[in-house]
Amino acid sequence: IMPSLVGSEMCIRDSFYTKAYDRICKYMDADKYVVFHDGFQLHAWKDFFQNGNFRNVILDTHQYLMMAEMDNCEQTVEGYVKYIKEVYQKDIQEMEEYFPVICGEWCLFNSLACGWDTKGGQSVLNGLEGDVESAVSAEEKKKIYQAVAEAQLEAWNTGSGYFYWSYKLLTDTINDKGSVSYTHLRAHETRHDL
């Protein structure tokens, strides 16, 4: 998915974020939080926060099904739900033991609902050649989106909050205002009060 930081890269990251945190905290009220993005490396932050003198920090992770697909997740409803539970939910629960974690970006985009393998989110807008017609009916898309939305909401609810990234999908607009997915997500917006 993303290359792991190693050796000197970790030292640079640690130095940068420690200095930034220290500067911010000088001016921050005690009831405020500093949010760190995980750089798509959720587990890399456990030692960083435990070994430092950090208070009121939140880790922001972005979890997308297209990343699961790039990690060889089976492109079926069952495959997505399994991956969400066994990887995303497990990881959020584990890191939540050490510090608050929010899923700062997630969405419903997936290859199954598109009707073709998007190779991790590729489309005509970002490099895929030609037009691709979806072989998935609107009714089937609603079922797919509903299933992956429910699984993801369950996973994100094990953390400290979440934010749905976009109700318009890159290659599919089933989430127009009033659709089942759009209405379902609005009813489950972030509920945590940090």
N, C-alpha and C. Protein backbone atom coordinates (compact mmCIF):
# COMPACT_ATOMS: atom_id res chain seq x y z
N ILE A 1 0.84 -1.19 0.00
CA ILE A 1 0.00 0.00 0.00
C ILE A 1 0.88 1.24 0.00
N MET A 2 1.55 1.51 1.08
CA MET A 2 2.51 2.61 1.15
C MET A 2 3.79 2.00 1.72
N PRO A 3 4.95 2.44 1.26
CA PRO A 3 6.18 1.89 1.81
C PRO A 3 6.32 2.25 3.28
N SER A 4 6.82 1.31 4.05
CA SER A 4 7.02 1.55 5.49
C SER A 4 8.22 2.45 5.70
N LEU A 5 8.10 3.29 6.71
CA LEU A 5 9.23 4.13 7.08
C LEU A 5 10.23 3.27 7.85
N VAL A 6 11.50 3.44 7.55
CA VAL A 6 12.53 2.68 8.24
C VAL A 6 13.67 3.60 8.64
N GLY A 7 14.40 3.19 9.65
CA GLY A 7 15.64 3.86 10.05
C GLY A 7 15.56 5.36 10.14
N SER A 8 16.35 6.03 9.28
CA SER A 8 16.47 7.49 9.33
C SER A 8 15.14 8.18 9.03
N GLU A 9 14.29 7.56 8.20
CA GLU A 9 12.98 8.15 7.91
C GLU A 9 12.13 8.25 9.18
N MET A 10 12.20 7.23 10.03
CA MET A 10 11.47 7.24 11.30
C MET A 10 12.02 8.34 12.21
N CYS A 11 13.33 8.52 12.22
CA CYS A 11 13.93 9.57 13.05
C CYS A 11 13.48 10.95 12.60
N ILE A 12 13.43 11.16 11.28
CA ILE A 12 12.96 12.44 10.73
C ILE A 12 11.51 12.67 11.11
N ARG A 13 10.67 11.63 10.94
CA ARG A 13 9.26 11.75 11.31
C ARG A 13 9.13 12.08 12.79
N ASP A 14 9.83 11.33 13.62
CA ASP A 14 9.73 11.53 15.07
C ASP A 14 10.18 12.93 15.47
N SER A 15 11.27 13.39 14.90
CA SER A 15 11.78 14.72 15.22
C SER A 15 10.80 15.80 14.79
N PHE A 16 10.33 15.70 13.55
CA PHE A 16 9.39 16.69 13.02
C PHE A 16 8.13 16.78 13.88
N TYR A 17 7.50 15.63 14.14
CA TYR A 17 6.23 15.65 14.87
C TYR A 17 6.41 16.01 16.34
N THR A 18 7.51 15.64 16.93
CA THR A 18 7.77 16.03 18.32
C THR A 18 7.94 17.54 18.42
N LYS A 19 8.73 18.12 17.51
CA LYS A 19 8.93 19.58 17.51
C LYS A 19 7.61 20.31 17.22
N ALA A 20 6.86 19.83 16.26
CA ALA A 20 5.58 20.47 15.95
C ALA A 20 4.63 20.39 17.13
N TYR A 21 4.55 19.22 17.75
CA TYR A 21 3.67 19.04 18.91
C TYR A 21 4.07 20.00 20.04
N ASP A 22 5.36 20.06 20.34
CA ASP A 22 5.84 20.95 21.41
C ASP A 22 5.50 22.41 21.12
N ARG A 23 5.63 22.85 19.88
CA ARG A 23 5.31 24.23 19.52
C ARG A 23 3.81 24.50 19.64
N ILE A 24 3.01 23.57 19.19
CA ILE A 24 1.55 23.74 19.26
C ILE A 24 1.09 23.78 20.72
N CYS A 25 1.62 22.89 21.53
CA CYS A 25 1.16 22.78 22.93
C CYS A 25 1.42 24.05 23.74
N LYS A 26 2.41 24.83 23.37
CA LYS A 26 2.69 26.08 24.08
C LYS A 26 1.49 27.03 24.04
N TYR A 27 0.71 26.92 23.00
CA TYR A 27 -0.41 27.84 22.79
C TYR A 27 -1.78 27.16 22.89
N MET A 28 -1.80 25.90 23.25
CA MET A 28 -3.02 25.12 23.23
C MET A 28 -3.65 25.04 24.62
N ASP A 29 -4.96 25.26 24.69
CA ASP A 29 -5.68 25.07 25.94
C ASP A 29 -5.64 23.60 26.33
N ALA A 30 -5.71 23.33 27.62
CA ALA A 30 -5.59 21.97 28.14
C ALA A 30 -6.70 21.04 27.66
N ASP A 31 -7.83 21.60 27.24
CA ASP A 31 -8.94 20.75 26.79
C ASP A 31 -8.96 20.54 25.28
N LYS A 32 -7.91 20.97 24.58
CA LYS A 32 -7.82 20.80 23.12
C LYS A 32 -6.93 19.61 22.78
N TYR A 33 -7.04 19.15 21.53
CA TYR A 33 -6.29 17.99 21.07
C TYR A 33 -5.45 18.33 19.85
N VAL A 34 -4.36 17.60 19.68
CA VAL A 34 -3.55 17.66 18.48
C VAL A 34 -3.84 16.37 17.72
N VAL A 35 -4.19 16.50 16.44
CA VAL A 35 -4.52 15.34 15.63
C VAL A 35 -3.36 15.07 14.68
N PHE A 36 -2.86 13.84 14.71
CA PHE A 36 -1.79 13.39 13.84
C PHE A 36 -2.37 12.46 12.78
N HIS A 37 -2.03 12.67 11.52
CA HIS A 37 -2.39 11.69 10.49
C HIS A 37 -1.36 10.56 10.53
N ASP A 38 -1.82 9.34 10.36
CA ASP A 38 -0.92 8.19 10.49
C ASP A 38 -0.05 7.92 9.26
N GLY A 39 -0.22 8.68 8.18
CA GLY A 39 0.58 8.44 6.97
C GLY A 39 0.33 7.05 6.40
N PHE A 40 -0.86 6.52 6.64
CA PHE A 40 -1.25 5.19 6.17
C PHE A 40 -0.40 4.09 6.80
N GLN A 41 0.09 4.37 8.02
CA GLN A 41 0.88 3.40 8.76
C GLN A 41 0.42 3.42 10.22
N LEU A 42 -0.75 2.92 10.44
CA LEU A 42 -1.39 2.98 11.75
C LEU A 42 -0.53 2.43 12.88
N HIS A 43 0.08 1.26 12.68
CA HIS A 43 0.84 0.63 13.75
C HIS A 43 2.16 1.34 14.07
N ALA A 44 2.66 2.14 13.15
CA ALA A 44 3.95 2.80 13.35
C ALA A 44 3.91 3.86 14.46
N TRP A 45 2.71 4.20 14.93
CA TRP A 45 2.59 5.29 15.89
C TRP A 45 2.52 4.85 17.35
N LYS A 46 2.33 3.57 17.58
CA LYS A 46 2.17 3.09 18.96
C LYS A 46 3.39 3.45 19.81
N ASP A 47 4.58 3.07 19.36
CA ASP A 47 5.79 3.36 20.13
C ASP A 47 6.05 4.85 20.21
N PHE A 48 5.80 5.56 19.13
CA PHE A 48 6.03 7.01 19.11
C PHE A 48 5.27 7.70 20.23
N PHE A 49 3.98 7.43 20.34
CA PHE A 49 3.18 8.09 21.38
C PHE A 49 3.50 7.56 22.77
N GLN A 50 3.84 6.30 22.89
CA GLN A 50 4.14 5.74 24.20
C GLN A 50 5.49 6.21 24.73
N ASN A 51 6.44 6.44 23.83
CA ASN A 51 7.78 6.83 24.25
C ASN A 51 7.95 8.34 24.41
N GLY A 52 6.96 9.10 24.01
CA GLY A 52 7.07 10.55 24.11
C GLY A 52 6.22 11.09 25.24
N ASN A 53 6.33 12.38 25.45
CA ASN A 53 5.57 13.05 26.50
C ASN A 53 4.37 13.73 25.84
N PHE A 54 3.41 12.92 25.42
CA PHE A 54 2.26 13.43 24.69
C PHE A 54 1.00 13.35 25.54
N ARG A 55 0.21 14.41 25.47
CA ARG A 55 -1.11 14.42 26.10
C ARG A 55 -2.08 14.99 25.07
N ASN A 56 -3.31 14.58 25.18
CA ASN A 56 -4.35 15.08 24.28
C ASN A 56 -3.98 14.96 22.81
N VAL A 57 -3.66 13.74 22.41
CA VAL A 57 -3.38 13.47 21.01
C VAL A 57 -4.43 12.50 20.47
N ILE A 58 -4.70 12.64 19.19
CA ILE A 58 -5.61 11.75 18.47
C ILE A 58 -4.90 11.34 17.20
N LEU A 59 -5.00 10.06 16.87
CA LEU A 59 -4.43 9.58 15.62
C LEU A 59 -5.53 9.46 14.58
N ASP A 60 -5.32 10.09 13.44
CA ASP A 60 -6.27 10.10 12.33
C ASP A 60 -5.80 9.10 11.29
N THR A 61 -6.61 8.08 11.03
CA THR A 61 -6.28 7.08 10.03
C THR A 61 -7.30 7.15 8.90
N HIS A 62 -6.87 6.93 7.69
CA HIS A 62 -7.77 6.93 6.53
C HIS A 62 -7.83 5.50 6.01
N GLN A 63 -9.03 4.93 5.98
CA GLN A 63 -9.20 3.54 5.60
C GLN A 63 -10.18 3.43 4.44
N TYR A 64 -9.71 2.93 3.33
CA TYR A 64 -10.52 2.80 2.13
C TYR A 64 -10.53 1.36 1.65
N LEU A 65 -11.66 0.92 1.10
CA LEU A 65 -11.75 -0.43 0.57
C LEU A 65 -10.81 -0.62 -0.62
N MET A 66 -10.50 0.44 -1.36
CA MET A 66 -9.56 0.28 -2.47
C MET A 66 -8.18 -0.09 -1.95
N MET A 67 -7.85 0.33 -0.72
CA MET A 67 -6.58 -0.08 -0.12
C MET A 67 -6.64 -1.56 0.26
N ALA A 68 -7.80 -2.00 0.73
CA ALA A 68 -7.99 -3.42 1.03
C ALA A 68 -7.82 -4.24 -0.24
N GLU A 69 -8.37 -3.73 -1.34
CA GLU A 69 -8.23 -4.42 -2.63
C GLU A 69 -6.76 -4.52 -3.04
N MET A 70 -6.00 -3.48 -2.79
CA MET A 70 -4.58 -3.49 -3.11
C MET A 70 -3.82 -4.48 -2.22
N ASP A 71 -4.44 -4.84 -1.09
CA ASP A 71 -3.87 -5.81 -0.16
C ASP A 71 -4.47 -7.20 -0.43
N ASN A 72 -5.02 -7.38 -1.61
CA ASN A 72 -5.58 -8.65 -2.07
C ASN A 72 -6.85 -9.09 -1.36
N CYS A 73 -7.63 -8.14 -0.88
CA CYS A 73 -8.95 -8.45 -0.32
C CYS A 73 -9.82 -9.00 -1.44
N GLU A 74 -10.55 -10.07 -1.15
CA GLU A 74 -11.45 -10.64 -2.15
C GLU A 74 -12.54 -9.63 -2.47
N GLN A 75 -12.80 -9.40 -3.74
CA GLN A 75 -13.77 -8.40 -4.18
C GLN A 75 -15.18 -8.97 -4.23
N THR A 76 -15.65 -9.37 -3.06
CA THR A 76 -17.03 -9.83 -2.85
C THR A 76 -17.53 -9.15 -1.59
N VAL A 77 -18.82 -9.12 -1.39
CA VAL A 77 -19.35 -8.54 -0.14
C VAL A 77 -18.74 -9.26 1.05
N GLU A 78 -18.72 -10.59 0.99
CA GLU A 78 -18.16 -11.36 2.10
C GLU A 78 -16.68 -11.06 2.30
N GLY A 79 -15.95 -10.90 1.21
CA GLY A 79 -14.53 -10.58 1.29
C GLY A 79 -14.28 -9.23 1.92
N TYR A 80 -15.05 -8.22 1.51
CA TYR A 80 -14.90 -6.89 2.10
C TYR A 80 -15.25 -6.91 3.59
N VAL A 81 -16.37 -7.53 3.94
CA VAL A 81 -16.80 -7.56 5.35
C VAL A 81 -15.75 -8.28 6.19
N LYS A 82 -15.24 -9.38 5.70
CA LYS A 82 -14.20 -10.12 6.43
C LYS A 82 -12.96 -9.25 6.63
N TYR A 83 -12.51 -8.59 5.58
CA TYR A 83 -11.32 -7.72 5.67
C TYR A 83 -11.57 -6.58 6.66
N ILE A 84 -12.71 -5.96 6.59
CA ILE A 84 -13.04 -4.85 7.50
C ILE A 84 -12.96 -5.32 8.94
N LYS A 85 -13.56 -6.46 9.23
CA LYS A 85 -13.57 -6.98 10.61
C LYS A 85 -12.20 -7.46 11.06
N GLU A 86 -11.51 -8.20 10.20
CA GLU A 86 -10.26 -8.84 10.60
C GLU A 86 -9.04 -7.93 10.50
N VAL A 87 -9.13 -6.88 9.71
CA VAL A 87 -7.98 -5.98 9.58
C VAL A 87 -8.32 -4.60 10.15
N TYR A 88 -9.24 -3.89 9.51
CA TYR A 88 -9.52 -2.52 9.94
C TYR A 88 -10.04 -2.45 11.38
N GLN A 89 -11.06 -3.23 11.70
CA GLN A 89 -11.63 -3.16 13.05
C GLN A 89 -10.62 -3.62 14.09
N LYS A 90 -9.91 -4.70 13.82
CA LYS A 90 -8.89 -5.21 14.75
C LYS A 90 -7.80 -4.15 14.98
N ASP A 91 -7.34 -3.53 13.91
CA ASP A 91 -6.29 -2.51 14.04
C ASP A 91 -6.77 -1.30 14.84
N ILE A 92 -7.99 -0.83 14.56
CA ILE A 92 -8.54 0.31 15.31
C ILE A 92 -8.65 -0.04 16.78
N GLN A 93 -9.18 -1.21 17.09
CA GLN A 93 -9.33 -1.63 18.49
C GLN A 93 -7.97 -1.70 19.19
N GLU A 94 -6.99 -2.26 18.51
CA GLU A 94 -5.66 -2.38 19.12
C GLU A 94 -5.06 -1.01 19.42
N MET A 95 -5.08 -0.11 18.45
CA MET A 95 -4.48 1.21 18.66
C MET A 95 -5.28 2.05 19.65
N GLU A 96 -6.58 1.84 19.70
CA GLU A 96 -7.44 2.58 20.62
C GLU A 96 -7.08 2.29 22.08
N GLU A 97 -6.41 1.18 22.34
CA GLU A 97 -5.95 0.87 23.70
C GLU A 97 -4.87 1.84 24.16
N TYR A 98 -4.20 2.51 23.22
CA TYR A 98 -3.07 3.37 23.56
C TYR A 98 -3.38 4.85 23.42
N PHE A 99 -4.27 5.21 22.49
CA PHE A 99 -4.61 6.60 22.24
C PHE A 99 -5.89 6.63 21.42
N PRO A 100 -6.61 7.75 21.45
CA PRO A 100 -7.83 7.84 20.63
C PRO A 100 -7.50 7.77 19.14
N VAL A 101 -8.31 7.03 18.41
CA VAL A 101 -8.14 6.88 16.97
C VAL A 101 -9.44 7.27 16.29
N ILE A 102 -9.33 8.13 15.29
CA ILE A 102 -10.50 8.44 14.46
C ILE A 102 -10.21 7.96 13.04
N CYS A 103 -11.24 7.50 12.38
CA CYS A 103 -11.10 7.20 10.96
C CYS A 103 -11.52 8.48 10.25
N GLY A 104 -10.54 9.28 9.90
CA GLY A 104 -10.78 10.61 9.36
C GLY A 104 -11.27 10.62 7.93
N GLU A 105 -11.11 9.51 7.23
CA GLU A 105 -11.64 9.38 5.87
C GLU A 105 -11.99 7.93 5.62
N TRP A 106 -13.17 7.72 5.10
CA TRP A 106 -13.61 6.42 4.60
C TRP A 106 -14.75 6.66 3.64
N CYS A 107 -15.00 5.71 2.78
CA CYS A 107 -16.12 5.83 1.85
C CYS A 107 -16.59 4.45 1.42
N LEU A 108 -17.54 4.41 0.53
CA LEU A 108 -18.12 3.15 0.08
C LEU A 108 -17.53 2.64 -1.23
N PHE A 109 -16.69 3.41 -1.88
CA PHE A 109 -16.15 3.03 -3.18
C PHE A 109 -15.51 1.65 -3.11
N ASN A 110 -15.88 0.78 -4.05
CA ASN A 110 -15.26 -0.53 -4.16
C ASN A 110 -15.47 -1.07 -5.57
N SER A 111 -14.60 -1.97 -5.97
CA SER A 111 -14.64 -2.52 -7.33
C SER A 111 -15.89 -3.33 -7.60
N LEU A 112 -16.36 -4.08 -6.61
CA LEU A 112 -17.53 -4.92 -6.81
C LEU A 112 -18.73 -4.07 -7.25
N ALA A 113 -18.97 -2.96 -6.57
CA ALA A 113 -20.10 -2.10 -6.92
C ALA A 113 -19.89 -1.42 -8.27
N CYS A 114 -18.64 -1.21 -8.66
CA CYS A 114 -18.36 -0.65 -9.98
C CYS A 114 -18.61 -1.67 -11.08
N GLY A 115 -18.50 -2.94 -10.73
CA GLY A 115 -18.72 -3.98 -11.72
C GLY A 115 -17.46 -4.39 -12.45
N TRP A 116 -16.31 -3.92 -11.99
CA TRP A 116 -15.03 -4.25 -12.60
C TRP A 116 -13.92 -3.95 -11.62
N ASP A 117 -12.78 -4.60 -11.80
CA ASP A 117 -11.64 -4.42 -10.91
C ASP A 117 -10.99 -3.07 -11.20
N THR A 118 -11.11 -2.15 -10.26
CA THR A 118 -10.57 -0.80 -10.45
C THR A 118 -9.08 -0.71 -10.14
N LYS A 119 -8.49 -1.84 -9.77
CA LYS A 119 -7.04 -1.87 -9.46
C LYS A 119 -6.69 -0.85 -8.38
N GLY A 120 -7.50 -0.81 -7.33
CA GLY A 120 -7.22 0.10 -6.22
C GLY A 120 -7.73 1.51 -6.45
N GLY A 121 -8.80 1.67 -7.22
CA GLY A 121 -9.40 2.98 -7.39
C GLY A 121 -9.11 3.68 -8.69
N GLN A 122 -8.54 2.97 -9.65
CA GLN A 122 -8.26 3.58 -10.95
C GLN A 122 -9.55 3.84 -11.71
N SER A 123 -9.59 4.92 -12.45
CA SER A 123 -10.73 5.26 -13.29
C SER A 123 -10.23 6.09 -14.47
N VAL A 124 -11.15 6.47 -15.32
CA VAL A 124 -10.77 7.34 -16.44
C VAL A 124 -10.27 8.69 -15.94
N LEU A 125 -10.61 9.05 -14.72
CA LEU A 125 -10.18 10.32 -14.16
C LEU A 125 -8.74 10.29 -13.65
N ASN A 126 -8.21 9.09 -13.38
CA ASN A 126 -6.84 9.04 -12.88
C ASN A 126 -6.00 7.96 -13.56
N GLY A 127 -6.22 7.74 -14.84
CA GLY A 127 -5.29 6.92 -15.60
C GLY A 127 -5.84 5.72 -16.33
N LEU A 128 -7.02 5.23 -16.01
CA LEU A 128 -7.56 4.08 -16.71
C LEU A 128 -8.01 4.52 -18.10
N GLU A 129 -7.69 3.73 -19.09
CA GLU A 129 -8.03 4.06 -20.47
C GLU A 129 -9.46 3.65 -20.81
N GLY A 130 -10.20 4.50 -21.51
CA GLY A 130 -11.50 4.15 -22.07
C GLY A 130 -12.65 4.18 -21.09
N ASP A 131 -13.83 3.91 -21.60
CA ASP A 131 -15.04 3.86 -20.80
C ASP A 131 -15.26 2.44 -20.30
N VAL A 132 -15.77 2.35 -19.08
CA VAL A 132 -16.08 1.05 -18.51
C VAL A 132 -17.53 1.08 -18.07
N GLU A 133 -18.32 0.17 -18.60
CA GLU A 133 -19.72 0.08 -18.23
C GLU A 133 -19.86 -0.86 -17.04
N SER A 134 -20.65 -0.49 -16.06
CA SER A 134 -20.89 -1.34 -14.91
C SER A 134 -21.91 -2.41 -15.26
N ALA A 135 -21.61 -3.63 -14.84
CA ALA A 135 -22.53 -4.74 -15.06
C ALA A 135 -23.39 -4.98 -13.82
N VAL A 136 -23.32 -4.06 -12.87
CA VAL A 136 -24.03 -4.23 -11.60
C VAL A 136 -25.27 -3.33 -11.61
N SER A 137 -26.40 -3.91 -11.30
CA SER A 137 -27.65 -3.14 -11.29
C SER A 137 -27.68 -2.17 -10.12
N ALA A 138 -28.52 -1.18 -10.22
CA ALA A 138 -28.67 -0.19 -9.15
C ALA A 138 -29.10 -0.87 -7.85
N GLU A 139 -29.98 -1.84 -7.92
CA GLU A 139 -30.45 -2.56 -6.73
C GLU A 139 -29.32 -3.35 -6.08
N GLU A 140 -28.49 -4.00 -6.90
CA GLU A 140 -27.36 -4.76 -6.37
C GLU A 140 -26.33 -3.83 -5.74
N LYS A 141 -26.10 -2.67 -6.36
CA LYS A 141 -25.18 -1.69 -5.79
C LYS A 141 -25.64 -1.26 -4.41
N LYS A 142 -26.94 -1.02 -4.26
CA LYS A 142 -27.47 -0.62 -2.96
C LYS A 142 -27.19 -1.68 -1.90
N LYS A 143 -27.34 -2.95 -2.28
CA LYS A 143 -27.07 -4.04 -1.34
C LYS A 143 -25.59 -4.08 -0.97
N ILE A 144 -24.73 -3.92 -1.96
CA ILE A 144 -23.29 -3.93 -1.71
C ILE A 144 -22.92 -2.77 -0.78
N TYR A 145 -23.37 -1.57 -1.14
CA TYR A 145 -23.04 -0.39 -0.34
C TYR A 145 -23.58 -0.51 1.08
N GLN A 146 -24.79 -1.02 1.22
CA GLN A 146 -25.39 -1.17 2.55
C GLN A 146 -24.54 -2.11 3.41
N ALA A 147 -24.13 -3.24 2.84
CA ALA A 147 -23.35 -4.22 3.59
C ALA A 147 -21.99 -3.68 4.00
N VAL A 148 -21.29 -3.02 3.06
CA VAL A 148 -19.97 -2.51 3.43
C VAL A 148 -20.07 -1.28 4.34
N ALA A 149 -21.14 -0.51 4.22
CA ALA A 149 -21.35 0.63 5.12
C ALA A 149 -21.56 0.13 6.54
N GLU A 150 -22.41 -0.86 6.71
CA GLU A 150 -22.68 -1.38 8.06
C GLU A 150 -21.43 -1.97 8.69
N ALA A 151 -20.65 -2.73 7.92
CA ALA A 151 -19.42 -3.32 8.45
C ALA A 151 -18.41 -2.23 8.83
N GLN A 152 -18.28 -1.21 7.98
CA GLN A 152 -17.34 -0.14 8.29
C GLN A 152 -17.79 0.67 9.50
N LEU A 153 -19.06 0.99 9.58
CA LEU A 153 -19.55 1.74 10.74
C LEU A 153 -19.30 0.97 12.03
N GLU A 154 -19.49 -0.34 12.00
CA GLU A 154 -19.20 -1.16 13.17
C GLU A 154 -17.72 -1.07 13.54
N ALA A 155 -16.86 -1.11 12.54
CA ALA A 155 -15.41 -1.00 12.79
C ALA A 155 -15.04 0.36 13.34
N TRP A 156 -15.52 1.43 12.71
CA TRP A 156 -15.15 2.78 13.15
C TRP A 156 -15.72 3.10 14.53
N ASN A 157 -16.84 2.50 14.88
CA ASN A 157 -17.42 2.72 16.20
C ASN A 157 -16.59 2.11 17.32
N THR A 158 -15.61 1.27 17.01
CA THR A 158 -14.71 0.76 18.05
C THR A 158 -13.61 1.78 18.35
N GLY A 159 -13.53 2.81 17.52
CA GLY A 159 -12.58 3.90 17.75
C GLY A 159 -13.27 5.07 18.41
N SER A 160 -12.66 6.24 18.28
CA SER A 160 -13.19 7.45 18.93
C SER A 160 -13.98 8.34 18.00
N GLY A 161 -14.15 7.95 16.75
CA GLY A 161 -14.96 8.75 15.84
C GLY A 161 -14.61 8.44 14.41
N TYR A 162 -15.38 9.03 13.50
CA TYR A 162 -15.15 8.81 12.08
C TYR A 162 -15.80 9.93 11.29
N PHE A 163 -15.32 10.10 10.06
CA PHE A 163 -15.85 11.09 9.14
C PHE A 163 -15.99 10.43 7.77
N TYR A 164 -17.18 10.46 7.23
CA TYR A 164 -17.40 9.92 5.89
C TYR A 164 -16.84 10.91 4.89
N TRP A 165 -16.00 10.43 3.98
CA TRP A 165 -15.26 11.33 3.10
C TRP A 165 -16.13 12.00 2.06
N SER A 166 -16.98 11.27 1.35
CA SER A 166 -17.68 11.86 0.23
C SER A 166 -18.94 11.09 -0.08
N TYR A 167 -20.04 11.77 -0.31
CA TYR A 167 -21.24 11.04 -0.71
C TYR A 167 -21.28 10.82 -2.20
N LYS A 168 -20.39 11.43 -2.95
CA LYS A 168 -20.28 11.20 -4.40
C LYS A 168 -19.08 10.28 -4.63
N LEU A 169 -19.29 9.17 -5.27
CA LEU A 169 -18.21 8.25 -5.55
C LEU A 169 -17.59 8.56 -6.90
N LEU A 170 -16.30 8.26 -7.03
CA LEU A 170 -15.54 8.62 -8.22
C LEU A 170 -16.18 8.13 -9.51
N THR A 171 -16.57 6.87 -9.56
CA THR A 171 -17.11 6.34 -10.81
C THR A 171 -18.57 5.93 -10.70
N ASP A 172 -19.23 6.30 -9.61
CA ASP A 172 -20.60 5.86 -9.40
C ASP A 172 -21.29 6.86 -8.48
N THR A 173 -22.44 7.31 -8.84
CA THR A 173 -23.12 8.33 -8.05
C THR A 173 -24.38 7.82 -7.38
N ILE A 174 -24.37 6.56 -6.97
CA ILE A 174 -25.56 6.01 -6.31
C ILE A 174 -25.86 6.73 -5.00
N ASN A 175 -24.90 7.43 -4.46
CA ASN A 175 -25.09 8.11 -3.19
C ASN A 175 -25.67 9.51 -3.33
N ASP A 176 -26.44 9.74 -4.37
CA ASP A 176 -27.12 11.02 -4.50
C ASP A 176 -28.04 11.23 -3.30
N LYS A 177 -28.25 12.48 -2.95
CA LYS A 177 -29.11 12.82 -1.82
C LYS A 177 -30.45 12.09 -1.97
N GLY A 178 -30.86 11.43 -0.89
CA GLY A 178 -32.11 10.69 -0.90
C GLY A 178 -31.93 9.21 -1.15
N SER A 179 -30.75 8.78 -1.62
CA SER A 179 -30.54 7.35 -1.85
C SER A 179 -30.40 6.62 -0.52
N VAL A 180 -30.52 5.32 -0.55
CA VAL A 180 -30.43 4.52 0.67
C VAL A 180 -29.10 4.72 1.37
N SER A 181 -27.99 4.69 0.64
CA SER A 181 -26.67 4.83 1.25
C SER A 181 -26.49 6.20 1.89
N TYR A 182 -26.85 7.25 1.15
CA TYR A 182 -26.71 8.60 1.64
C TYR A 182 -27.51 8.80 2.92
N THR A 183 -28.75 8.37 2.92
CA THR A 183 -29.61 8.52 4.08
C THR A 183 -29.07 7.72 5.25
N HIS A 184 -28.61 6.50 4.98
CA HIS A 184 -28.06 5.65 6.04
C HIS A 184 -26.85 6.31 6.69
N LEU A 185 -25.96 6.87 5.89
CA LEU A 185 -24.75 7.47 6.44
C LEU A 185 -25.05 8.74 7.22
N ARG A 186 -25.97 9.55 6.76
CA ARG A 186 -26.30 10.76 7.50
C ARG A 186 -26.86 10.41 8.88
N ALA A 187 -27.53 9.28 8.99
CA ALA A 187 -28.12 8.86 10.26
C ALA A 187 -27.05 8.32 11.21
N HIS A 188 -25.84 8.05 10.70
CA HIS A 188 -24.77 7.48 11.53
C HIS A 188 -23.53 8.36 11.56
N GLU A 189 -23.68 9.66 11.51
CA GLU A 189 -22.51 10.54 11.50
C GLU A 189 -21.77 10.43 12.83
N THR A 190 -20.57 10.94 12.86
CA THR A 190 -19.70 10.84 14.03
C THR A 190 -20.48 11.17 15.29
N ARG A 191 -20.35 10.30 16.26
CA ARG A 191 -21.11 10.44 17.49
C ARG A 191 -20.25 10.72 18.70
N HIS A 192 -18.95 10.68 18.56
CA HIS A 192 -18.07 10.83 19.71
C HIS A 192 -17.76 12.28 20.02
N ASP A 193 -17.66 12.57 21.29
CA ASP A 193 -17.31 13.91 21.74
C ASP A 193 -15.96 13.84 22.40
N LEU A 194 -14.92 14.21 21.65
CA LEU A 194 -13.58 14.17 22.20
C LEU A 194 -13.39 15.39 23.03
